[in-house]
Amino acid sequence: MPALHDLAASSYGGDEAGLICGYLFDAAASKPVETIDSARAAAWLDSGESPSSDSAFLWLHFNLSHAQAERWLLRHAQLSDTFYETLHEGLPSTRIERADDSLIAVINDVHFEFSFEPSDISTLWISVGPRLVVTARTKPLRSVDALRTAVKAGDAPRSSTELLEHLLRAQADVLVKIVRGVTSRIDRIEDELLAGRLDHKRARLGVLRRLLVRLQRLLAPEPAALFRLLQGPPAWMAEPDVQELRGSTEEFSVVLRDMQALQERIKLLQEEIAANVNEDNNRSLFVLTVVTVLALPINILAGLFGMNVGGIPLAEHKHGFWIVVAIVASFTAVAAWAAFRKKR
């Protein structure tokens, strides 16, 4: 039976309660970071286990695809109703707001298996209080996974607000890597364009531009929302933590501006490629027009001399064929001169 439980948990991405990972932070303890499971977390939240100091707080990360995750939260976490409303309203727009004595955030992040597709973006729901931080997602996300890796490596935030700040900085780092990846792809496309190898670059640029547009549309409200929140932070939020959050907001804004600049660069490349395609099309149309003009005299004469009626000129002349050839060549030369003179 335990093996079956382990198999089910691995398939859901969490334990029997849908908990992917849980950490107890206590800067005053000999072990500042301690990994806990859902049973230990429930005991801690239900006050069955007293915190060792006032600085202790809990971070729980849930997989909402697990049917038990929301039930467990309702039973043990005592979160604000606003948090559950955001889970069910289905709006991915970024926002951070106060609810009772906690912070409720809806932020967007890229999938762990990110392949530079506009669809590789999903939502992370966050509830931050003085003693409890809950993050929940339906698909594996890069930023929160980067935070998990940092905590496993020994990074121990001193407060729940500092944990949120670390998460936002991890999100900014992920965006920086995306910007670098997109920049690298655009550089290669630009080099190939300068070399005259068009291929399917317009489609590739279109995918990158749609990705950046969607990311910016979803993420652009985040710095403003956080800035408005920090104008009146909760009483339990320390001033140094507020300043750190302001710093992460500025860093995030810089990344968004870089994304905007990349969009403009892609737009210019698309316009240049479209101009090259139009130039090639115009060249092909000109060649087709010239061929049509040059073939016009011989088509007209062939139609006239091909009629089976009496009185066709030069029909009995021994040099009639060559006379007709000379006439066709003369008219063709005149037509070619007229066509190329207009081109020049």
C-alpha atoms as a PDB file:
ATOM      1  CA  MET A   1       0.000   0.000   0.000  1.00  0.00           C
ATOM      2  CA  PRO A   2       2.726   2.622   0.769  1.00  0.00           C
ATOM      3  CA  ALA A   3       4.214   1.957  -2.646  1.00  0.00           C
ATOM      4  CA  LEU A   4       0.837   2.710  -4.229  1.00  0.00           C
ATOM      5  CA  HIS A   5       0.598   5.947  -2.260  1.00  0.00           C
ATOM      6  CA  ASP A   6       4.085   6.953  -3.385  1.00  0.00           C
ATOM      7  CA  LEU A   7       3.169   6.232  -7.006  1.00  0.00           C
ATOM      8  CA  ALA A   8       0.017   8.315  -6.759  1.00  0.00           C
ATOM      9  CA  ALA A   9       1.867  11.150  -5.102  1.00  0.00           C
ATOM     10  CA  SER A  10       4.560  11.220  -7.773  1.00  0.00           C
ATOM     11  CA  SER A  11       1.961  11.267 -10.513  1.00  0.00           C
ATOM     12  CA  TYR A  12       0.193  14.238  -8.908  1.00  0.00           C
ATOM     13  CA  GLY A  13       3.391  16.103  -8.061  1.00  0.00           C
ATOM     14  CA  GLY A  14       2.798  16.058  -4.278  1.00  0.00           C
ATOM     15  CA  ASP A  15       1.963  13.915  -1.270  1.00  0.00           C
ATOM     16  CA  GLU A  16      -1.500  12.670  -0.283  1.00  0.00           C
ATOM     17  CA  ALA A  17      -2.574  16.255   0.510  1.00  0.00           C
ATOM     18  CA  GLY A  18      -1.156  17.677  -2.727  1.00  0.00           C
ATOM     19  CA  LEU A  19       1.769  19.274  -0.861  1.00  0.00           C
ATOM     20  CA  ILE A  20       4.766  19.494  -3.197  1.00  0.00           C
ATOM     21  CA  CYS A  21       7.118  20.844  -0.557  1.00  0.00           C
ATOM     22  CA  GLY A  22       6.927  22.377   2.896  1.00  0.00           C
ATOM     23  CA  TYR A  23       9.579  24.274   4.857  1.00  0.00           C
ATOM     24  CA  LEU A  24       9.645  25.600   8.388  1.00  0.00           C
ATOM     25  CA  PHE A  25      11.878  28.661   8.737  1.00  0.00           C
ATOM     26  CA  ASP A  26      13.144  29.812  12.108  1.00  0.00           C
ATOM     27  CA  ALA A  27      16.118  32.161  12.199  1.00  0.00           C
ATOM     28  CA  ALA A  28      16.449  31.703  15.987  1.00  0.00           C
ATOM     29  CA  ALA A  29      16.693  27.905  15.794  1.00  0.00           C
ATOM     30  CA  SER A  30      19.869  25.885  15.411  1.00  0.00           C
ATOM     31  CA  LYS A  31      18.477  24.594  12.125  1.00  0.00           C
ATOM     32  CA  PRO A  32      16.990  27.636  10.325  1.00  0.00           C
ATOM     33  CA  VAL A  33      15.333  25.555   7.563  1.00  0.00           C
ATOM     34  CA  GLU A  34      13.480  22.321   8.179  1.00  0.00           C
ATOM     35  CA  THR A  35      11.616  20.230   5.618  1.00  0.00           C
ATOM     36  CA  ILE A  36       8.165  19.124   6.748  1.00  0.00           C
ATOM     37  CA  ASP A  37       5.310  17.092   5.263  1.00  0.00           C
ATOM     38  CA  SER A  38       1.577  17.779   5.248  1.00  0.00           C
ATOM     39  CA  ALA A  39       0.973  15.955   8.548  1.00  0.00           C
ATOM     40  CA  ARG A  40       3.621  17.983  10.381  1.00  0.00           C
ATOM     41  CA  ALA A  41       2.364  21.178   8.716  1.00  0.00           C
ATOM     42  CA  ALA A  42      -1.191  20.424   9.860  1.00  0.00           C
ATOM     43  CA  ALA A  43       0.040  19.900  13.427  1.00  0.00           C
ATOM     44  CA  TRP A  44       1.965  23.192  13.324  1.00  0.00           C
ATOM     45  CA  LEU A  45      -1.003  25.114  11.924  1.00  0.00           C
ATOM     46  CA  ASP A  46      -3.494  23.534  14.329  1.00  0.00           C
ATOM     47  CA  SER A  47      -1.287  24.692  17.219  1.00  0.00           C
ATOM     48  CA  GLY A  48      -0.517  21.161  18.185  1.00  0.00           C
ATOM     49  CA  GLU A  49       3.112  22.107  17.882  1.00  0.00           C
ATOM     50  CA  SER A  50       4.222  25.418  19.351  1.00  0.00           C
ATOM     51  CA  PRO A  51       6.649  27.546  17.371  1.00  0.00           C
ATOM     52  CA  SER A  52      10.086  27.808  18.872  1.00  0.00           C
ATOM     53  CA  SER A  53      10.209  31.622  18.376  1.00  0.00           C
ATOM     54  CA  ASP A  54       8.199  34.572  17.097  1.00  0.00           C
ATOM     55  CA  SER A  55      10.268  34.613  13.920  1.00  0.00           C
ATOM     56  CA  ALA A  56       9.187  31.133  12.810  1.00  0.00           C
ATOM     57  CA  PHE A  57       6.990  30.854   9.729  1.00  0.00           C
ATOM     58  CA  LEU A  58       5.902  28.165   7.294  1.00  0.00           C
ATOM     59  CA  TRP A  59       6.043  27.919   3.502  1.00  0.00           C
ATOM     60  CA  LEU A  60       3.746  25.386   1.853  1.00  0.00           C
ATOM     61  CA  HIS A  61       3.719  24.824  -1.910  1.00  0.00           C
ATOM     62  CA  PHE A  62       0.718  22.932  -3.316  1.00  0.00           C
ATOM     63  CA  ASN A  63      -0.249  21.279  -6.583  1.00  0.00           C
ATOM     64  CA  LEU A  64      -3.837  22.337  -7.301  1.00  0.00           C
ATOM     65  CA  SER A  65      -4.232  19.499  -9.797  1.00  0.00           C
ATOM     66  CA  HIS A  66      -4.425  17.235  -6.746  1.00  0.00           C
ATOM     67  CA  ALA A  67      -8.040  16.894  -5.577  1.00  0.00           C
ATOM     68  CA  GLN A  68      -7.071  17.028  -1.891  1.00  0.00           C
ATOM     69  CA  ALA A  69      -4.980  20.202  -2.034  1.00  0.00           C
ATOM     70  CA  GLU A  70      -7.767  22.772  -1.668  1.00  0.00           C
ATOM     71  CA  ARG A  71      -9.585  20.617   0.896  1.00  0.00           C
ATOM     72  CA  TRP A  72      -6.475  20.437   3.032  1.00  0.00           C
ATOM     73  CA  LEU A  73      -6.034  24.201   2.857  1.00  0.00           C
ATOM     74  CA  LEU A  74      -9.645  24.793   3.851  1.00  0.00           C
ATOM     75  CA  ARG A  75      -9.290  22.418   6.785  1.00  0.00           C
ATOM     76  CA  HIS A  76      -5.955  23.605   8.189  1.00  0.00           C
ATOM     77  CA  ALA A  77      -4.608  26.838   6.673  1.00  0.00           C
ATOM     78  CA  GLN A  78      -7.355  29.337   7.648  1.00  0.00           C
ATOM     79  CA  LEU A  79      -6.607  31.544   4.655  1.00  0.00           C
ATOM     80  CA  SER A  80      -8.627  34.562   3.580  1.00  0.00           C
ATOM     81  CA  ASP A  81     -11.730  33.951   1.471  1.00  0.00           C
ATOM     82  CA  THR A  82     -10.182  36.212  -1.159  1.00  0.00           C
ATOM     83  CA  PHE A  83      -7.500  33.605  -1.804  1.00  0.00           C
ATOM     84  CA  TYR A  84     -10.072  30.929  -2.660  1.00  0.00           C
ATOM     85  CA  GLU A  85     -12.028  33.392  -4.787  1.00  0.00           C
ATOM     86  CA  THR A  86      -8.942  34.078  -6.888  1.00  0.00           C
ATOM     87  CA  LEU A  87      -8.423  30.336  -7.338  1.00  0.00           C
ATOM     88  CA  HIS A  88     -11.861  29.918  -8.908  1.00  0.00           C
ATOM     89  CA  GLU A  89     -12.389  33.126 -10.849  1.00  0.00           C
ATOM     90  CA  GLY A  90     -10.030  32.002 -13.638  1.00  0.00           C
ATOM     91  CA  LEU A  91      -8.510  35.445 -14.296  1.00  0.00           C
ATOM     92  CA  PRO A  92      -4.747  35.193 -14.985  1.00  0.00           C
ATOM     93  CA  SER A  93      -4.166  38.949 -14.756  1.00  0.00           C
ATOM     94  CA  THR A  94      -1.390  39.829 -12.321  1.00  0.00           C
ATOM     95  CA  ARG A  95      -2.420  41.515  -9.083  1.00  0.00           C
ATOM     96  CA  ILE A  96      -1.284  41.870  -5.468  1.00  0.00           C
ATOM     97  CA  GLU A  97      -3.749  43.056  -2.836  1.00  0.00           C
ATOM     98  CA  ARG A  98      -4.399  43.065   0.880  1.00  0.00           C
ATOM     99  CA  ALA A  99      -7.037  40.760   2.320  1.00  0.00           C
ATOM    100  CA  ASP A 100      -7.627  40.975   6.050  1.00  0.00           C
ATOM    101  CA  ASP A 101      -4.138  40.754   7.545  1.00  0.00           C
ATOM    102  CA  SER A 102      -2.476  38.945   4.625  1.00  0.00           C
ATOM    103  CA  LEU A 103      -1.338  39.558   1.063  1.00  0.00           C
ATOM    104  CA  ILE A 104      -2.999  37.783  -1.858  1.00  0.00           C
ATOM    105  CA  ALA A 105      -1.061  37.672  -5.117  1.00  0.00           C
ATOM    106  CA  VAL A 106      -1.760  36.242  -8.549  1.00  0.00           C
ATOM    107  CA  ILE A 107       1.373  36.211 -10.668  1.00  0.00           C
ATOM    108  CA  ASN A 108       2.255  34.559 -13.965  1.00  0.00           C
ATOM    109  CA  ASP A 109       5.276  32.395 -14.626  1.00  0.00           C
ATOM    110  CA  VAL A 110       6.623  30.181 -17.410  1.00  0.00           C
ATOM    111  CA  HIS A 111       6.406  26.405 -17.319  1.00  0.00           C
ATOM    112  CA  PHE A 112       9.340  24.385 -16.087  1.00  0.00           C
ATOM    113  CA  GLU A 113       9.606  22.763 -19.542  1.00  0.00           C
ATOM    114  CA  PHE A 114       9.631  26.137 -21.295  1.00  0.00           C
ATOM    115  CA  SER A 115      10.080  25.948 -25.082  1.00  0.00           C
ATOM    116  CA  PHE A 116       9.597  29.621 -26.051  1.00  0.00           C
ATOM    117  CA  GLU A 117       5.938  29.089 -26.960  1.00  0.00           C
ATOM    118  CA  PRO A 118       3.237  31.617 -25.967  1.00  0.00           C
ATOM    119  CA  SER A 119       1.218  28.792 -24.387  1.00  0.00           C
ATOM    120  CA  ASP A 120       4.042  27.940 -21.931  1.00  0.00           C
ATOM    121  CA  ILE A 121       2.751  30.402 -19.328  1.00  0.00           C
ATOM    122  CA  SER A 122       0.700  29.571 -16.249  1.00  0.00           C
ATOM    123  CA  THR A 123      -0.498  31.127 -12.991  1.00  0.00           C
ATOM    124  CA  LEU A 124       0.854  30.982  -9.448  1.00  0.00           C
ATOM    125  CA  TRP A 125      -1.457  31.873  -6.537  1.00  0.00           C
ATOM    126  CA  ILE A 126       0.157  33.199  -3.349  1.00  0.00           C
ATOM    127  CA  SER A 127      -1.039  33.986   0.149  1.00  0.00           C
ATOM    128  CA  VAL A 128       1.446  35.701   2.463  1.00  0.00           C
ATOM    129  CA  GLY A 129       0.870  36.193   6.171  1.00  0.00           C
ATOM    130  CA  PRO A 130       3.232  36.805   9.095  1.00  0.00           C
ATOM    131  CA  ARG A 131       3.363  33.075   9.983  1.00  0.00           C
ATOM    132  CA  LEU A 132       2.329  31.292   6.783  1.00  0.00           C
ATOM    133  CA  VAL A 133       3.124  31.515   3.076  1.00  0.00           C
ATOM    134  CA  VAL A 134       1.085  29.372   0.682  1.00  0.00           C
ATOM    135  CA  THR A 135       1.883  29.047  -3.012  1.00  0.00           C
ATOM    136  CA  ALA A 136      -0.251  26.962  -5.346  1.00  0.00           C
ATOM    137  CA  ARG A 137      -0.060  26.094  -9.039  1.00  0.00           C
ATOM    138  CA  THR A 138      -1.546  23.641 -11.539  1.00  0.00           C
ATOM    139  CA  LYS A 139       1.608  23.111 -13.637  1.00  0.00           C
ATOM    140  CA  PRO A 140       5.324  23.086 -12.737  1.00  0.00           C
ATOM    141  CA  LEU A 141       6.714  26.622 -12.888  1.00  0.00           C
ATOM    142  CA  ARG A 142      10.286  27.825 -13.152  1.00  0.00           C
ATOM    143  CA  SER A 143      10.423  30.668 -10.630  1.00  0.00           C
ATOM    144  CA  VAL A 144       8.997  28.761  -7.691  1.00  0.00           C
ATOM    145  CA  ASP A 145      11.192  25.788  -8.574  1.00  0.00           C
ATOM    146  CA  ALA A 146      14.231  28.095  -8.536  1.00  0.00           C
ATOM    147  CA  LEU A 147      13.165  29.263  -5.064  1.00  0.00           C
ATOM    148  CA  ARG A 148      12.824  25.639  -3.897  1.00  0.00           C
ATOM    149  CA  THR A 149      16.315  24.907  -5.180  1.00  0.00           C
ATOM    150  CA  ALA A 150      17.721  27.947  -3.351  1.00  0.00           C
ATOM    151  CA  VAL A 151      16.043  26.896  -0.072  1.00  0.00           C
ATOM    152  CA  LYS A 152      17.399  23.360  -0.440  1.00  0.00           C
ATOM    153  CA  ALA A 153      20.865  24.875  -0.949  1.00  0.00           C
ATOM    154  CA  GLY A 154      20.603  26.675   2.400  1.00  0.00           C
ATOM    155  CA  ASP A 155      18.888  29.970   1.599  1.00  0.00           C
ATOM    156  CA  ALA A 156      16.794  30.772   4.685  1.00  0.00           C
ATOM    157  CA  PRO A 157      14.617  33.922   4.476  1.00  0.00           C
ATOM    158  CA  ARG A 158      14.167  35.613   7.829  1.00  0.00           C
ATOM    159  CA  SER A 159      10.497  36.473   7.288  1.00  0.00           C
ATOM    160  CA  SER A 160       7.540  35.655   5.077  1.00  0.00           C
ATOM    161  CA  THR A 161       7.946  38.999   3.309  1.00  0.00           C
ATOM    162  CA  GLU A 162      11.570  38.190   2.509  1.00  0.00           C
ATOM    163  CA  LEU A 163      10.437  34.856   1.068  1.00  0.00           C
ATOM    164  CA  LEU A 164       8.017  36.731  -1.228  1.00  0.00           C
ATOM    165  CA  GLU A 165      10.836  39.066  -2.240  1.00  0.00           C
ATOM    166  CA  HIS A 166      13.065  36.077  -3.073  1.00  0.00           C
ATOM    167  CA  LEU A 167      10.260  34.619  -5.193  1.00  0.00           C
ATOM    168  CA  LEU A 168       9.818  37.865  -7.121  1.00  0.00           C
ATOM    169  CA  ARG A 169      13.560  38.102  -7.723  1.00  0.00           C
ATOM    170  CA  ALA A 170      13.571  34.484  -8.927  1.00  0.00           C
ATOM    171  CA  GLN A 171      10.770  35.419 -11.315  1.00  0.00           C
ATOM    172  CA  ALA A 172      12.814  38.385 -12.578  1.00  0.00           C
ATOM    173  CA  ASP A 173      15.848  36.106 -13.071  1.00  0.00           C
ATOM    174  CA  VAL A 174      13.727  33.706 -15.136  1.00  0.00           C
ATOM    175  CA  LEU A 175      12.534  36.613 -17.276  1.00  0.00           C
ATOM    176  CA  VAL A 176      16.118  37.779 -17.769  1.00  0.00           C
ATOM    177  CA  LYS A 177      17.036  34.312 -19.056  1.00  0.00           C
ATOM    178  CA  ILE A 178      14.036  34.388 -21.402  1.00  0.00           C
ATOM    179  CA  VAL A 179      15.092  37.803 -22.713  1.00  0.00           C
ATOM    180  CA  ARG A 180      18.612  36.491 -23.285  1.00  0.00           C
ATOM    181  CA  GLY A 181      17.272  33.412 -25.059  1.00  0.00           C
ATOM    182  CA  VAL A 182      15.007  35.490 -27.295  1.00  0.00           C
ATOM    183  CA  THR A 183      17.864  37.911 -28.000  1.00  0.00           C
ATOM    184  CA  SER A 184      20.104  35.013 -29.033  1.00  0.00           C
ATOM    185  CA  ARG A 185      17.441  33.679 -31.393  1.00  0.00           C
ATOM    186  CA  ILE A 186      16.876  37.113 -32.902  1.00  0.00           C
ATOM    187  CA  ASP A 187      20.638  37.541 -33.424  1.00  0.00           C
ATOM    188  CA  ARG A 188      20.787  34.266 -35.362  1.00  0.00           C
ATOM    189  CA  ILE A 189      17.773  35.215 -37.472  1.00  0.00           C
ATOM    190  CA  GLU A 190      19.305  38.620 -38.198  1.00  0.00           C
ATOM    191  CA  ASP A 191      22.612  37.034 -39.246  1.00  0.00           C
ATOM    192  CA  GLU A 192      20.788  34.639 -41.580  1.00  0.00           C
ATOM    193  CA  LEU A 193      18.766  37.538 -42.977  1.00  0.00           C
ATOM    194  CA  LEU A 194      21.928  39.499 -43.736  1.00  0.00           C
ATOM    195  CA  ALA A 195      23.328  36.404 -45.431  1.00  0.00           C
ATOM    196  CA  GLY A 196      20.237  36.261 -47.666  1.00  0.00           C
ATOM    197  CA  ARG A 197      18.783  33.020 -46.291  1.00  0.00           C
ATOM    198  CA  LEU A 198      15.138  33.874 -45.644  1.00  0.00           C
ATOM    199  CA  ASP A 199      13.628  30.408 -45.073  1.00  0.00           C
ATOM    200  CA  HIS A 200      10.753  30.700 -42.545  1.00  0.00           C
ATOM    201  CA  LYS A 201      12.093  33.523 -40.385  1.00  0.00           C
ATOM    202  CA  ARG A 202       8.861  35.515 -40.470  1.00  0.00           C
ATOM    203  CA  ALA A 203       7.019  32.650 -38.752  1.00  0.00           C
ATOM    204  CA  ARG A 204       9.822  32.196 -36.190  1.00  0.00           C
ATOM    205  CA  LEU A 205       9.852  35.916 -35.416  1.00  0.00           C
ATOM    206  CA  GLY A 206       6.073  35.876 -35.108  1.00  0.00           C
ATOM    207  CA  VAL A 207       6.211  33.169 -32.418  1.00  0.00           C
ATOM    208  CA  LEU A 208       8.818  35.115 -30.424  1.00  0.00           C
ATOM    209  CA  ARG A 209       6.875  38.337 -30.718  1.00  0.00           C
ATOM    210  CA  ARG A 210       3.632  36.705 -29.564  1.00  0.00           C
ATOM    211  CA  LEU A 211       5.514  35.239 -26.589  1.00  0.00           C
ATOM    212  CA  LEU A 212       6.896  38.640 -25.563  1.00  0.00           C
ATOM    213  CA  VAL A 213       3.548  40.367 -26.072  1.00  0.00           C
ATOM    214  CA  ARG A 214       1.739  37.819 -23.906  1.00  0.00           C
ATOM    215  CA  LEU A 215       4.399  37.922 -21.193  1.00  0.00           C
ATOM    216  CA  GLN A 216       4.333  41.707 -21.092  1.00  0.00           C
ATOM    217  CA  ARG A 217       0.530  41.824 -21.056  1.00  0.00           C
ATOM    218  CA  LEU A 218       0.383  39.411 -18.122  1.00  0.00           C
ATOM    219  CA  LEU A 219       3.356  40.724 -16.168  1.00  0.00           C
ATOM    220  CA  ALA A 220       3.234  44.473 -16.776  1.00  0.00           C
ATOM    221  CA  PRO A 221       0.684  45.144 -13.971  1.00  0.00           C
ATOM    222  CA  GLU A 222       2.902  43.427 -11.374  1.00  0.00           C
ATOM    223  CA  PRO A 223       5.305  46.300 -10.513  1.00  0.00           C
ATOM    224  CA  ALA A 224       2.463  48.824 -10.307  1.00  0.00           C
ATOM    225  CA  ALA A 225       0.349  46.502  -8.141  1.00  0.00           C
ATOM    226  CA  LEU A 226       3.254  45.891  -5.772  1.00  0.00           C
ATOM    227  CA  PHE A 227       4.082  49.598  -5.651  1.00  0.00           C
ATOM    228  CA  ARG A 228       0.481  50.462  -4.696  1.00  0.00           C
ATOM    229  CA  LEU A 229       0.535  47.779  -2.012  1.00  0.00           C
ATOM    230  CA  LEU A 230       3.775  49.088  -0.535  1.00  0.00           C
ATOM    231  CA  GLN A 231       2.242  52.535  -0.132  1.00  0.00           C
ATOM    232  CA  GLY A 232       0.245  51.019   2.764  1.00  0.00           C
ATOM    233  CA  PRO A 233       1.864  47.718   3.814  1.00  0.00           C
ATOM    234  CA  PRO A 234       0.456  45.507   6.600  1.00  0.00           C
ATOM    235  CA  ALA A 235       1.580  46.297  10.131  1.00  0.00           C
ATOM    236  CA  TRP A 236       3.520  43.034  10.452  1.00  0.00           C
ATOM    237  CA  MET A 237       5.713  43.858   7.449  1.00  0.00           C
ATOM    238  CA  ALA A 238       9.077  45.267   8.566  1.00  0.00           C
ATOM    239  CA  GLU A 239      10.477  48.368   6.894  1.00  0.00           C
ATOM    240  CA  PRO A 240      13.658  46.616   5.587  1.00  0.00           C
ATOM    241  CA  ASP A 241      11.439  44.019   3.890  1.00  0.00           C
ATOM    242  CA  VAL A 242       9.371  46.798   2.313  1.00  0.00           C
ATOM    243  CA  GLN A 243      12.529  48.360   0.892  1.00  0.00           C
ATOM    244  CA  GLU A 244      13.654  45.009  -0.508  1.00  0.00           C
ATOM    245  CA  LEU A 245      10.290  44.558  -2.219  1.00  0.00           C
ATOM    246  CA  ARG A 246      10.619  48.029  -3.741  1.00  0.00           C
ATOM    247  CA  GLY A 247      14.031  47.026  -5.087  1.00  0.00           C
ATOM    248  CA  SER A 248      12.612  43.888  -6.701  1.00  0.00           C
ATOM    249  CA  THR A 249       9.887  46.020  -8.294  1.00  0.00           C
ATOM    250  CA  GLU A 250      12.482  48.253  -9.957  1.00  0.00           C
ATOM    251  CA  GLU A 251      14.412  45.232 -11.198  1.00  0.00           C
ATOM    252  CA  PHE A 252      11.232  43.753 -12.632  1.00  0.00           C
ATOM    253  CA  SER A 253      10.421  47.016 -14.413  1.00  0.00           C
ATOM    254  CA  VAL A 254      13.839  47.003 -16.091  1.00  0.00           C
ATOM    255  CA  VAL A 255      13.200  43.496 -17.441  1.00  0.00           C
ATOM    256  CA  LEU A 256       9.818  44.574 -18.813  1.00  0.00           C
ATOM    257  CA  ARG A 257      11.463  47.513 -20.599  1.00  0.00           C
ATOM    258  CA  ASP A 258      13.994  45.121 -22.151  1.00  0.00           C
ATOM    259  CA  MET A 259      11.104  42.988 -23.382  1.00  0.00           C
ATOM    260  CA  GLN A 260       9.485  46.059 -24.934  1.00  0.00           C
ATOM    261  CA  ALA A 261      12.737  46.897 -26.733  1.00  0.00           C
ATOM    262  CA  LEU A 262      12.931  43.313 -28.052  1.00  0.00           C
ATOM    263  CA  GLN A 263       9.399  43.602 -29.411  1.00  0.00           C
ATOM    264  CA  GLU A 264      10.395  46.733 -31.348  1.00  0.00           C
ATOM    265  CA  ARG A 265      13.472  44.983 -32.702  1.00  0.00           C
ATOM    266  CA  ILE A 266      11.401  42.013 -33.859  1.00  0.00           C
ATOM    267  CA  LYS A 267       8.917  44.385 -35.486  1.00  0.00           C
ATOM    268  CA  LEU A 268      11.713  46.083 -37.441  1.00  0.00           C
ATOM    269  CA  LEU A 269      13.092  42.716 -38.572  1.00  0.00           C
ATOM    270  CA  GLN A 270       9.629  41.605 -39.677  1.00  0.00           C
ATOM    271  CA  GLU A 271       9.215  44.809 -41.673  1.00  0.00           C
ATOM    272  CA  GLU A 272      12.615  44.325 -43.315  1.00  0.00           C
ATOM    273  CA  ILE A 273      11.813  40.715 -44.198  1.00  0.00           C
ATOM    274  CA  ALA A 274       8.428  41.802 -45.599  1.00  0.00           C
ATOM    275  CA  ALA A 275      10.185  44.460 -47.684  1.00  0.00           C
ATOM    276  CA  ASN A 276      12.618  41.848 -49.043  1.00  0.00           C
ATOM    277  CA  VAL A 277       9.754  39.500 -49.881  1.00  0.00           C
ATOM    278  CA  ASN A 278       7.877  42.309 -51.652  1.00  0.00           C
ATOM    279  CA  GLU A 279      11.019  43.189 -53.588  1.00  0.00           C
ATOM    280  CA  ASP A 280      11.430  39.578 -54.704  1.00  0.00           C
ATOM    281  CA  ASN A 281       7.773  39.434 -55.709  1.00  0.00           C
ATOM    282  CA  ASN A 282       8.103  42.653 -57.699  1.00  0.00           C
ATOM    283  CA  ARG A 283      11.171  41.290 -59.441  1.00  0.00           C
ATOM    284  CA  SER A 284       9.331  38.098 -60.347  1.00  0.00           C
ATOM    285  CA  LEU A 285       6.348  40.086 -61.655  1.00  0.00           C
ATOM    286  CA  PHE A 286       8.654  42.242 -63.768  1.00  0.00           C
ATOM    287  CA  VAL A 287      10.298  39.188 -65.318  1.00  0.00           C
ATOM    288  CA  LEU A 288       6.880  37.690 -66.025  1.00  0.00           C
ATOM    289  CA  THR A 289       5.714  40.970 -67.591  1.00  0.00           C
ATOM    290  CA  VAL A 290       8.812  41.204 -69.804  1.00  0.00           C
ATOM    291  CA  VAL A 291       8.388  37.623 -70.993  1.00  0.00           C
ATOM    292  CA  THR A 292       4.739  38.323 -71.790  1.00  0.00           C
ATOM    293  CA  VAL A 293       5.610  41.498 -73.732  1.00  0.00           C
ATOM    294  CA  LEU A 294       8.386  39.785 -75.676  1.00  0.00           C
ATOM    295  CA  ALA A 295       6.096  36.919 -76.620  1.00  0.00           C
ATOM    296  CA  LEU A 296       3.278  39.215 -77.723  1.00  0.00           C
ATOM    297  CA  PRO A 297       4.422  39.913 -81.342  1.00  0.00           C
ATOM    298  CA  ILE A 298       5.040  36.281 -82.205  1.00  0.00           C
ATOM    299  CA  ASN A 299       1.687  35.281 -80.662  1.00  0.00           C
ATOM    300  CA  ILE A 300      -0.162  37.898 -82.707  1.00  0.00           C
ATOM    301  CA  LEU A 301       1.527  36.936 -85.988  1.00  0.00           C
ATOM    302  CA  ALA A 302       1.120  33.231 -85.261  1.00  0.00           C
ATOM    303  CA  GLY A 303      -2.579  33.797 -84.714  1.00  0.00           C
ATOM    304  CA  LEU A 304      -2.947  35.807 -87.941  1.00  0.00           C
ATOM    305  CA  PHE A 305      -0.930  33.479 -90.177  1.00  0.00           C
ATOM    306  CA  GLY A 306      -2.521  30.419 -88.618  1.00  0.00           C
ATOM    307  CA  MET A 307      -5.982  31.232 -89.953  1.00  0.00           C
ATOM    308  CA  ASN A 308      -7.059  28.899 -92.762  1.00  0.00           C
ATOM    309  CA  VAL A 309      -8.379  31.617 -95.066  1.00  0.00           C
ATOM    310  CA  GLY A 310      -7.290  32.790 -98.485  1.00  0.00           C
ATOM    311  CA  GLY A 311      -5.065  35.782 -99.102  1.00  0.00           C
ATOM    312  CA  ILE A 312      -2.483  35.077 -96.387  1.00  0.00           C
ATOM    313  CA  PRO A 313       0.492  37.273 -97.343  1.00  0.00           C
ATOM    314  CA  LEU A 314       3.819  35.660 -98.282  1.00  0.00           C
ATOM    315  CA  ALA A 315       2.185  32.235 -98.493  1.00  0.00           C
ATOM    316  CA  GLU A 316       3.697  31.635-101.950  1.00  0.00           C
ATOM    317  CA  HIS A 317       6.883  33.649-101.453  1.00  0.00           C
ATOM    318  CA  LYS A 318      10.010  31.500-101.293  1.00  0.00           C
ATOM    319  CA  HIS A 319      11.513  33.664 -98.542  1.00  0.00           C
ATOM    320  CA  GLY A 320       8.204  34.246 -96.723  1.00  0.00           C
ATOM    321  CA  PHE A 321       9.248  32.385 -93.543  1.00  0.00           C
ATOM    322  CA  TRP A 322      12.376  34.461 -93.050  1.00  0.00           C
ATOM    323  CA  ILE A 323      10.528  37.672 -93.787  1.00  0.00           C
ATOM    324  CA  VAL A 324       8.021  36.815 -91.043  1.00  0.00           C
ATOM    325  CA  VAL A 325      10.890  35.924 -88.666  1.00  0.00           C
ATOM    326  CA  ALA A 326      12.497  39.295 -89.357  1.00  0.00           C
ATOM    327  CA  ILE A 327       9.222  41.100 -88.698  1.00  0.00           C
ATOM    328  CA  VAL A 328       8.720  39.202 -85.399  1.00  0.00           C
ATOM    329  CA  ALA A 329      12.318  39.857 -84.327  1.00  0.00           C
ATOM    330  CA  SER A 330      11.950  43.560 -85.085  1.00  0.00           C
ATOM    331  CA  PHE A 331       8.739  43.921 -83.088  1.00  0.00           C
ATOM    332  CA  THR A 332      10.240  41.849 -80.235  1.00  0.00           C
ATOM    333  CA  ALA A 333      13.318  44.102 -80.123  1.00  0.00           C
ATOM    334  CA  VAL A 334      11.133  47.221 -79.998  1.00  0.00           C
ATOM    335  CA  ALA A 335       9.002  45.711 -77.202  1.00  0.00           C
ATOM    336  CA  ALA A 336      12.123  44.724 -75.233  1.00  0.00           C
ATOM    337  CA  TRP A 337      13.565  48.215 -75.582  1.00  0.00           C
ATOM    338  CA  ALA A 338      10.320  49.786 -74.381  1.00  0.00           C
ATOM    339  CA  ALA A 339      10.025  47.404 -71.391  1.00  0.00           C
ATOM    340  CA  PHE A 340      13.607  47.795 -70.164  1.00  0.00           C
ATOM    341  CA  ARG A 341      13.550  51.556 -70.740  1.00  0.00           C
ATOM    342  CA  LYS A 342      10.601  51.839 -68.282  1.00  0.00           C
ATOM    343  CA  LYS A 343      12.468  49.609 -65.784  1.00  0.00           C
ATOM    344  CA  ARG A 344      15.449  51.945 -65.837  1.00  0.00           C
END
